[in-house]
Amino acid sequence: MTEKPRKILVATDFSECSNQALRTAISLGRSLSAELTLFHAYSLPVYMFPDGAVLPGPEMTARMLGQVTEHIEAAKKGLLAEGISVKTETAQGNAVDEIVQAAAVGHYDFLVLGTHGWSGLKHALLGSVAERVVRKAPCPVITVRLQDKPRKHES
């Protein structure tokens, strides 16, 4: 008999789609009595020039880290206000690699993330973070597509 899932990693980029994925994870977490961890990976901008690359200075790096911390703490505070227990983690680096590594290191039972549903040439050339995470993840992945809001019928 397999053990009941107890840990869910929720990857977020703070978008509407990620918020919808978080709501799905909350529902799943409640039904399984599982703990949630909200995870955000970020990368620092690198500016490429013919003669080399320019990395952001310490001031810009600190400002960006401050914004990441502010966003994830605000999300946590909002969830705690709703009575939802959640942990938070952040990592600097490629989103796909950091999400997959966090899932493996943390021994998560599920990973939940949103997808923006790219299509056409952009998808063919770049793929999506969700698609690449699904291929590499060490655990089952639940992807949540942004749902259209219901339209009001006019009389």
N, C-alpha and C. Protein backbone atom coordinates (compact mmCIF):
# COMPACT_ATOMS: atom_id res chain seq x y z
N MET A 1 0.84 -1.19 0.00
CA MET A 1 0.00 0.00 0.00
C MET A 1 0.88 1.24 0.00
N THR A 2 0.56 2.20 -0.86
CA THR A 2 1.36 3.41 -0.93
C THR A 2 0.96 4.38 0.17
N GLU A 3 1.94 5.18 0.56
CA GLU A 3 1.71 6.16 1.61
C GLU A 3 0.91 7.34 1.08
N LYS A 4 0.08 7.93 1.91
CA LYS A 4 -0.74 9.08 1.55
C LYS A 4 0.16 10.29 1.27
N PRO A 5 -0.08 11.00 0.16
CA PRO A 5 0.72 12.21 -0.13
C PRO A 5 0.60 13.22 1.01
N ARG A 6 1.75 13.80 1.38
CA ARG A 6 1.74 14.74 2.49
C ARG A 6 2.36 16.09 2.17
N LYS A 7 3.05 16.19 1.03
CA LYS A 7 3.74 17.44 0.71
C LYS A 7 3.46 17.86 -0.73
N ILE A 8 3.04 19.11 -0.88
CA ILE A 8 2.75 19.66 -2.21
C ILE A 8 3.59 20.92 -2.41
N LEU A 9 4.31 20.95 -3.52
CA LEU A 9 5.08 22.13 -3.90
C LEU A 9 4.28 22.89 -4.95
N VAL A 10 4.07 24.18 -4.71
CA VAL A 10 3.31 25.02 -5.63
C VAL A 10 4.26 26.07 -6.20
N ALA A 11 4.57 25.95 -7.49
CA ALA A 11 5.45 26.92 -8.14
C ALA A 11 4.61 28.11 -8.58
N THR A 12 5.12 29.31 -8.33
CA THR A 12 4.37 30.52 -8.69
C THR A 12 5.26 31.55 -9.35
N ASP A 13 4.65 32.30 -10.27
CA ASP A 13 5.30 33.49 -10.80
C ASP A 13 4.44 34.71 -10.48
N PHE A 14 3.46 34.50 -9.57
CA PHE A 14 2.56 35.53 -9.07
C PHE A 14 1.56 36.02 -10.12
N SER A 15 1.42 35.28 -11.21
CA SER A 15 0.46 35.65 -12.25
C SER A 15 -0.92 35.14 -11.88
N GLU A 16 -1.92 35.56 -12.65
CA GLU A 16 -3.29 35.08 -12.43
C GLU A 16 -3.36 33.56 -12.59
N CYS A 17 -2.63 33.06 -13.58
CA CYS A 17 -2.62 31.61 -13.81
C CYS A 17 -2.00 30.88 -12.62
N SER A 18 -0.93 31.42 -12.07
CA SER A 18 -0.30 30.81 -10.89
C SER A 18 -1.23 30.86 -9.69
N ASN A 19 -1.98 31.94 -9.57
CA ASN A 19 -2.94 32.05 -8.46
C ASN A 19 -4.03 30.99 -8.58
N GLN A 20 -4.44 30.70 -9.82
CA GLN A 20 -5.43 29.66 -10.03
C GLN A 20 -4.84 28.28 -9.67
N ALA A 21 -3.56 28.08 -10.01
CA ALA A 21 -2.89 26.83 -9.64
C ALA A 21 -2.79 26.71 -8.13
N LEU A 22 -2.52 27.82 -7.45
CA LEU A 22 -2.45 27.82 -5.99
C LEU A 22 -3.79 27.40 -5.40
N ARG A 23 -4.88 27.92 -5.92
CA ARG A 23 -6.21 27.54 -5.43
C ARG A 23 -6.45 26.05 -5.62
N THR A 24 -6.00 25.50 -6.73
CA THR A 24 -6.12 24.05 -6.96
C THR A 24 -5.30 23.29 -5.92
N ALA A 25 -4.08 23.76 -5.66
CA ALA A 25 -3.21 23.11 -4.68
C ALA A 25 -3.81 23.18 -3.28
N ILE A 26 -4.43 24.30 -2.95
CA ILE A 26 -5.07 24.45 -1.63
C ILE A 26 -6.17 23.42 -1.48
N SER A 27 -6.99 23.29 -2.50
CA SER A 27 -8.08 22.31 -2.46
C SER A 27 -7.53 20.89 -2.32
N LEU A 28 -6.52 20.58 -3.10
CA LEU A 28 -5.89 19.25 -3.03
C LEU A 28 -5.25 19.03 -1.65
N GLY A 29 -4.57 20.06 -1.16
CA GLY A 29 -3.93 19.96 0.14
C GLY A 29 -4.91 19.72 1.27
N ARG A 30 -6.04 20.40 1.21
CA ARG A 30 -7.07 20.20 2.23
C ARG A 30 -7.62 18.79 2.18
N SER A 31 -7.91 18.30 0.97
CA SER A 31 -8.50 16.96 0.86
C SER A 31 -7.53 15.87 1.27
N LEU A 32 -6.22 16.13 1.15
CA LEU A 32 -5.22 15.13 1.52
C LEU A 32 -4.57 15.40 2.87
N SER A 33 -4.93 16.50 3.50
CA SER A 33 -4.26 16.96 4.72
C SER A 33 -2.76 17.07 4.49
N ALA A 34 -2.41 17.64 3.35
CA ALA A 34 -1.01 17.77 2.96
C ALA A 34 -0.51 19.19 3.25
N GLU A 35 0.80 19.31 3.49
CA GLU A 35 1.37 20.63 3.71
C GLU A 35 1.74 21.26 2.36
N LEU A 36 1.57 22.57 2.27
CA LEU A 36 1.87 23.31 1.04
C LEU A 36 3.14 24.13 1.21
N THR A 37 3.92 24.17 0.14
CA THR A 37 5.06 25.07 0.07
C THR A 37 4.93 25.87 -1.20
N LEU A 38 4.91 27.20 -1.06
CA LEU A 38 4.83 28.10 -2.19
C LEU A 38 6.26 28.43 -2.60
N PHE A 39 6.58 28.22 -3.88
CA PHE A 39 7.96 28.33 -4.38
C PHE A 39 8.03 29.29 -5.55
N HIS A 40 9.02 30.17 -5.52
CA HIS A 40 9.24 31.10 -6.63
C HIS A 40 10.71 31.09 -7.01
N ALA A 41 10.97 30.84 -8.29
CA ALA A 41 12.34 30.91 -8.82
C ALA A 41 12.46 32.18 -9.65
N TYR A 42 13.57 32.86 -9.51
CA TYR A 42 13.79 34.09 -10.26
C TYR A 42 15.21 34.09 -10.80
N SER A 43 15.38 34.79 -11.90
CA SER A 43 16.73 34.91 -12.45
C SER A 43 17.07 36.39 -12.59
N LEU A 44 18.32 36.69 -12.44
CA LEU A 44 18.79 38.06 -12.57
C LEU A 44 19.01 38.34 -14.05
N PRO A 45 18.69 39.55 -14.49
CA PRO A 45 18.89 39.87 -15.91
C PRO A 45 20.37 39.93 -16.26
N VAL A 46 20.69 39.43 -17.43
CA VAL A 46 22.05 39.50 -17.96
C VAL A 46 21.94 40.21 -19.31
N TYR A 47 22.73 41.24 -19.49
CA TYR A 47 22.69 42.01 -20.73
C TYR A 47 23.87 41.59 -21.59
N MET A 48 23.56 41.09 -22.80
CA MET A 48 24.60 40.59 -23.70
C MET A 48 24.97 41.68 -24.71
N PHE A 49 26.27 41.83 -24.91
CA PHE A 49 26.82 42.76 -25.90
C PHE A 49 27.86 42.00 -26.71
N PRO A 50 28.24 42.51 -27.88
CA PRO A 50 29.24 41.80 -28.69
C PRO A 50 30.55 41.53 -27.95
N ASP A 51 30.91 42.41 -27.04
CA ASP A 51 32.18 42.24 -26.32
C ASP A 51 32.06 41.48 -25.00
N GLY A 52 30.86 41.05 -24.64
CA GLY A 52 30.69 40.32 -23.39
C GLY A 52 29.33 40.57 -22.77
N ALA A 53 29.21 40.19 -21.53
CA ALA A 53 27.94 40.30 -20.81
C ALA A 53 28.10 41.24 -19.62
N VAL A 54 26.98 41.86 -19.25
CA VAL A 54 26.95 42.73 -18.08
C VAL A 54 25.94 42.14 -17.10
N LEU A 55 26.41 41.90 -15.90
CA LEU A 55 25.54 41.40 -14.83
C LEU A 55 25.06 42.56 -13.98
N PRO A 56 23.92 42.42 -13.35
CA PRO A 56 23.44 43.51 -12.50
C PRO A 56 24.36 43.71 -11.29
N GLY A 57 24.45 44.95 -10.85
CA GLY A 57 25.27 45.26 -9.69
C GLY A 57 24.59 44.86 -8.40
N PRO A 58 25.30 44.99 -7.28
CA PRO A 58 24.77 44.59 -5.99
C PRO A 58 23.48 45.33 -5.60
N GLU A 59 23.37 46.60 -5.99
CA GLU A 59 22.18 47.38 -5.65
C GLU A 59 20.95 46.83 -6.37
N MET A 60 21.09 46.56 -7.66
CA MET A 60 19.96 46.01 -8.43
C MET A 60 19.61 44.60 -7.95
N THR A 61 20.61 43.81 -7.64
CA THR A 61 20.39 42.46 -7.15
C THR A 61 19.63 42.50 -5.82
N ALA A 62 20.03 43.38 -4.92
CA ALA A 62 19.36 43.51 -3.63
C ALA A 62 17.92 43.99 -3.81
N ARG A 63 17.71 44.93 -4.73
CA ARG A 63 16.36 45.44 -4.98
C ARG A 63 15.46 44.33 -5.53
N MET A 64 15.99 43.54 -6.45
CA MET A 64 15.21 42.45 -7.04
C MET A 64 14.88 41.40 -5.98
N LEU A 65 15.84 41.03 -5.15
CA LEU A 65 15.60 40.07 -4.09
C LEU A 65 14.57 40.61 -3.10
N GLY A 66 14.63 41.90 -2.82
CA GLY A 66 13.63 42.52 -1.94
C GLY A 66 12.23 42.41 -2.51
N GLN A 67 12.09 42.61 -3.83
CA GLN A 67 10.78 42.50 -4.47
C GLN A 67 10.27 41.06 -4.43
N VAL A 68 11.15 40.10 -4.67
CA VAL A 68 10.76 38.68 -4.62
C VAL A 68 10.28 38.34 -3.22
N THR A 69 11.05 38.75 -2.22
CA THR A 69 10.70 38.48 -0.83
C THR A 69 9.36 39.14 -0.47
N GLU A 70 9.18 40.36 -0.92
CA GLU A 70 7.94 41.09 -0.65
C GLU A 70 6.73 40.35 -1.26
N HIS A 71 6.86 39.91 -2.50
CA HIS A 71 5.75 39.21 -3.17
C HIS A 71 5.42 37.88 -2.48
N ILE A 72 6.43 37.10 -2.16
CA ILE A 72 6.15 35.78 -1.58
C ILE A 72 5.63 35.90 -0.16
N GLU A 73 6.13 36.88 0.58
CA GLU A 73 5.63 37.09 1.94
C GLU A 73 4.19 37.62 1.94
N ALA A 74 3.86 38.47 0.97
CA ALA A 74 2.49 38.96 0.85
C ALA A 74 1.54 37.81 0.52
N ALA A 75 1.98 36.92 -0.36
CA ALA A 75 1.15 35.75 -0.69
C ALA A 75 0.95 34.87 0.53
N LYS A 76 2.03 34.65 1.28
CA LYS A 76 1.95 33.83 2.50
C LYS A 76 1.02 34.47 3.51
N LYS A 77 1.15 35.77 3.71
CA LYS A 77 0.31 36.49 4.67
C LYS A 77 -1.16 36.37 4.29
N GLY A 78 -1.47 36.51 3.01
CA GLY A 78 -2.84 36.37 2.54
C GLY A 78 -3.40 34.97 2.79
N LEU A 79 -2.58 33.96 2.57
CA LEU A 79 -3.02 32.58 2.80
C LEU A 79 -3.21 32.31 4.29
N LEU A 80 -2.29 32.79 5.11
CA LEU A 80 -2.42 32.62 6.55
C LEU A 80 -3.69 33.29 7.07
N ALA A 81 -4.03 34.45 6.49
CA ALA A 81 -5.25 35.16 6.89
C ALA A 81 -6.50 34.34 6.55
N GLU A 82 -6.39 33.48 5.54
CA GLU A 82 -7.50 32.60 5.15
C GLU A 82 -7.48 31.30 5.96
N GLY A 83 -6.50 31.17 6.86
CA GLY A 83 -6.40 29.95 7.66
C GLY A 83 -5.67 28.82 6.96
N ILE A 84 -4.90 29.15 5.94
CA ILE A 84 -4.17 28.14 5.17
C ILE A 84 -2.70 28.17 5.60
N SER A 85 -2.24 27.07 6.12
CA SER A 85 -0.85 26.96 6.54
C SER A 85 0.03 26.71 5.32
N VAL A 86 1.06 27.52 5.16
CA VAL A 86 1.93 27.40 3.98
C VAL A 86 3.35 27.80 4.34
N LYS A 87 4.30 27.12 3.74
CA LYS A 87 5.71 27.49 3.85
C LYS A 87 6.08 28.19 2.55
N THR A 88 7.18 28.93 2.55
CA THR A 88 7.63 29.58 1.33
C THR A 88 9.11 29.29 1.10
N GLU A 89 9.47 29.25 -0.18
CA GLU A 89 10.87 29.08 -0.59
C GLU A 89 11.09 29.89 -1.85
N THR A 90 12.30 30.41 -2.00
CA THR A 90 12.69 31.07 -3.25
C THR A 90 14.05 30.53 -3.66
N ALA A 91 14.34 30.67 -4.95
CA ALA A 91 15.65 30.26 -5.45
C ALA A 91 16.00 31.13 -6.65
N GLN A 92 17.26 31.42 -6.78
CA GLN A 92 17.74 32.19 -7.92
C GLN A 92 18.27 31.22 -8.96
N GLY A 93 17.80 31.36 -10.19
CA GLY A 93 18.27 30.51 -11.27
C GLY A 93 17.19 30.27 -12.30
N ASN A 94 17.46 29.37 -13.21
CA ASN A 94 16.50 29.00 -14.24
C ASN A 94 15.27 28.38 -13.60
N ALA A 95 14.09 28.88 -13.95
CA ALA A 95 12.86 28.43 -13.30
C ALA A 95 12.67 26.92 -13.39
N VAL A 96 12.85 26.35 -14.56
CA VAL A 96 12.64 24.90 -14.72
C VAL A 96 13.59 24.13 -13.81
N ASP A 97 14.86 24.44 -13.89
CA ASP A 97 15.86 23.71 -13.09
C ASP A 97 15.61 23.87 -11.59
N GLU A 98 15.28 25.08 -11.17
CA GLU A 98 15.08 25.33 -9.74
C GLU A 98 13.82 24.65 -9.21
N ILE A 99 12.75 24.64 -10.01
CA ILE A 99 11.51 23.98 -9.59
C ILE A 99 11.75 22.48 -9.47
N VAL A 100 12.38 21.89 -10.46
CA VAL A 100 12.65 20.45 -10.45
C VAL A 100 13.56 20.08 -9.29
N GLN A 101 14.60 20.88 -9.06
CA GLN A 101 15.51 20.61 -7.95
C GLN A 101 14.80 20.73 -6.61
N ALA A 102 13.97 21.75 -6.44
CA ALA A 102 13.23 21.92 -5.18
C ALA A 102 12.32 20.73 -4.92
N ALA A 103 11.66 20.24 -5.97
CA ALA A 103 10.76 19.09 -5.83
C ALA A 103 11.54 17.85 -5.41
N ALA A 104 12.73 17.67 -5.98
CA ALA A 104 13.55 16.50 -5.66
C ALA A 104 14.13 16.59 -4.25
N VAL A 105 14.74 17.72 -3.93
CA VAL A 105 15.38 17.90 -2.63
C VAL A 105 14.36 17.84 -1.50
N GLY A 106 13.19 18.42 -1.72
CA GLY A 106 12.16 18.46 -0.69
C GLY A 106 11.31 17.20 -0.60
N HIS A 107 11.55 16.24 -1.49
CA HIS A 107 10.79 14.98 -1.51
C HIS A 107 9.28 15.24 -1.53
N TYR A 108 8.86 16.10 -2.46
CA TYR A 108 7.44 16.43 -2.57
C TYR A 108 6.68 15.30 -3.25
N ASP A 109 5.43 15.14 -2.85
CA ASP A 109 4.57 14.12 -3.43
C ASP A 109 3.90 14.60 -4.71
N PHE A 110 3.62 15.91 -4.78
CA PHE A 110 3.03 16.52 -5.96
C PHE A 110 3.66 17.89 -6.19
N LEU A 111 3.63 18.31 -7.44
CA LEU A 111 4.05 19.64 -7.82
C LEU A 111 2.88 20.24 -8.60
N VAL A 112 2.49 21.46 -8.25
CA VAL A 112 1.37 22.11 -8.92
C VAL A 112 1.87 23.43 -9.49
N LEU A 113 1.55 23.69 -10.77
CA LEU A 113 1.92 24.96 -11.37
C LEU A 113 0.97 25.32 -12.50
N GLY A 114 0.93 26.59 -12.79
CA GLY A 114 0.06 27.07 -13.86
C GLY A 114 0.77 27.02 -15.19
N THR A 115 -0.02 27.07 -16.24
CA THR A 115 0.52 27.14 -17.59
C THR A 115 -0.22 28.24 -18.33
N HIS A 116 0.49 28.95 -19.16
CA HIS A 116 -0.13 30.05 -19.90
C HIS A 116 -0.64 29.61 -21.26
N GLY A 117 -0.40 28.35 -21.63
CA GLY A 117 -0.94 27.82 -22.86
C GLY A 117 -0.43 28.50 -24.12
N TRP A 118 0.88 28.70 -24.22
CA TRP A 118 1.43 29.26 -25.45
C TRP A 118 1.05 28.40 -26.63
N SER A 119 0.98 29.01 -27.78
CA SER A 119 0.70 28.23 -28.99
C SER A 119 1.50 28.81 -30.14
N GLY A 120 1.47 28.12 -31.24
CA GLY A 120 2.11 28.60 -32.45
C GLY A 120 3.62 28.58 -32.38
N LEU A 121 4.25 29.52 -33.09
CA LEU A 121 5.69 29.55 -33.24
C LEU A 121 6.42 29.75 -31.92
N LYS A 122 5.91 30.62 -31.06
CA LYS A 122 6.56 30.87 -29.77
C LYS A 122 6.68 29.58 -28.98
N HIS A 123 5.61 28.77 -28.95
CA HIS A 123 5.63 27.51 -28.24
C HIS A 123 6.60 26.53 -28.90
N ALA A 124 6.59 26.48 -30.22
CA ALA A 124 7.46 25.56 -30.95
C ALA A 124 8.93 25.86 -30.69
N LEU A 125 9.28 27.14 -30.58
CA LEU A 125 10.67 27.52 -30.38
C LEU A 125 11.10 27.45 -28.92
N LEU A 126 10.22 27.86 -28.02
CA LEU A 126 10.61 27.99 -26.62
C LEU A 126 10.02 26.94 -25.69
N GLY A 127 8.89 26.37 -26.05
CA GLY A 127 8.20 25.48 -25.12
C GLY A 127 7.68 26.31 -23.96
N SER A 128 7.28 25.66 -22.91
CA SER A 128 6.82 26.40 -21.75
C SER A 128 7.50 25.84 -20.51
N VAL A 129 7.55 26.66 -19.48
CA VAL A 129 8.13 26.21 -18.21
C VAL A 129 7.38 24.97 -17.73
N ALA A 130 6.05 25.03 -17.75
CA ALA A 130 5.25 23.89 -17.26
C ALA A 130 5.56 22.62 -18.04
N GLU A 131 5.65 22.74 -19.36
CA GLU A 131 5.92 21.56 -20.19
C GLU A 131 7.28 20.95 -19.86
N ARG A 132 8.28 21.78 -19.68
CA ARG A 132 9.62 21.27 -19.36
C ARG A 132 9.68 20.71 -17.94
N VAL A 133 8.96 21.32 -17.01
CA VAL A 133 8.91 20.79 -15.64
C VAL A 133 8.26 19.41 -15.65
N VAL A 134 7.18 19.25 -16.40
CA VAL A 134 6.50 17.95 -16.47
C VAL A 134 7.47 16.88 -16.94
N ARG A 135 8.29 17.20 -17.93
CA ARG A 135 9.24 16.22 -18.47
C ARG A 135 10.34 15.84 -17.47
N LYS A 136 10.74 16.78 -16.61
CA LYS A 136 11.90 16.55 -15.74
C LYS A 136 11.57 16.26 -14.28
N ALA A 137 10.36 16.51 -13.86
CA ALA A 137 10.01 16.44 -12.43
C ALA A 137 10.16 15.03 -11.86
N PRO A 138 10.58 14.95 -10.60
CA PRO A 138 10.74 13.66 -9.93
C PRO A 138 9.45 13.15 -9.28
N CYS A 139 8.35 13.90 -9.47
CA CYS A 139 7.08 13.53 -8.85
C CYS A 139 5.95 13.89 -9.81
N PRO A 140 4.73 13.44 -9.54
CA PRO A 140 3.61 13.82 -10.40
C PRO A 140 3.41 15.33 -10.41
N VAL A 141 3.05 15.85 -11.59
CA VAL A 141 2.85 17.29 -11.76
C VAL A 141 1.41 17.54 -12.18
N ILE A 142 0.78 18.49 -11.52
CA ILE A 142 -0.56 18.92 -11.88
C ILE A 142 -0.42 20.32 -12.48
N THR A 143 -0.79 20.45 -13.76
CA THR A 143 -0.75 21.77 -14.39
C THR A 143 -2.17 22.32 -14.44
N VAL A 144 -2.27 23.62 -14.21
CA VAL A 144 -3.56 24.28 -14.17
C VAL A 144 -3.57 25.37 -15.24
N ARG A 145 -4.51 25.25 -16.15
CA ARG A 145 -4.65 26.20 -17.24
C ARG A 145 -5.55 27.34 -16.78
N LEU A 146 -5.22 28.55 -17.19
CA LEU A 146 -6.02 29.71 -16.85
C LEU A 146 -7.40 29.56 -17.47
N GLN A 147 -8.41 29.61 -16.63
CA GLN A 147 -9.78 29.46 -17.10
C GLN A 147 -10.35 30.82 -17.44
N ASP A 148 -11.09 30.87 -18.53
CA ASP A 148 -11.78 32.10 -18.89
C ASP A 148 -12.86 32.38 -17.85
N LYS A 149 -13.02 33.65 -17.55
CA LYS A 149 -14.08 34.04 -16.61
C LYS A 149 -15.42 33.93 -17.34
N PRO A 150 -16.43 33.42 -16.65
CA PRO A 150 -17.74 33.31 -17.32
C PRO A 150 -18.26 34.68 -17.74
N ARG A 151 -18.83 34.71 -18.90
CA ARG A 151 -19.39 35.97 -19.40
C ARG A 151 -20.84 36.10 -18.96
N LYS A 152 -21.23 37.32 -18.68
CA LYS A 152 -22.62 37.58 -18.33
C LYS A 152 -23.43 37.62 -19.63
N HIS A 153 -24.57 36.99 -19.59
CA HIS A 153 -25.45 37.01 -20.76
C HIS A 153 -26.24 38.30 -20.77
N GLU A 154 -26.26 38.91 -21.92
CA GLU A 154 -27.04 40.15 -22.03
C GLU A 154 -28.48 39.81 -22.39
N SER A 155 -29.39 40.52 -21.80
CA SER A 155 -30.83 40.29 -22.05
C SER A 155 -31.32 41.16 -23.18
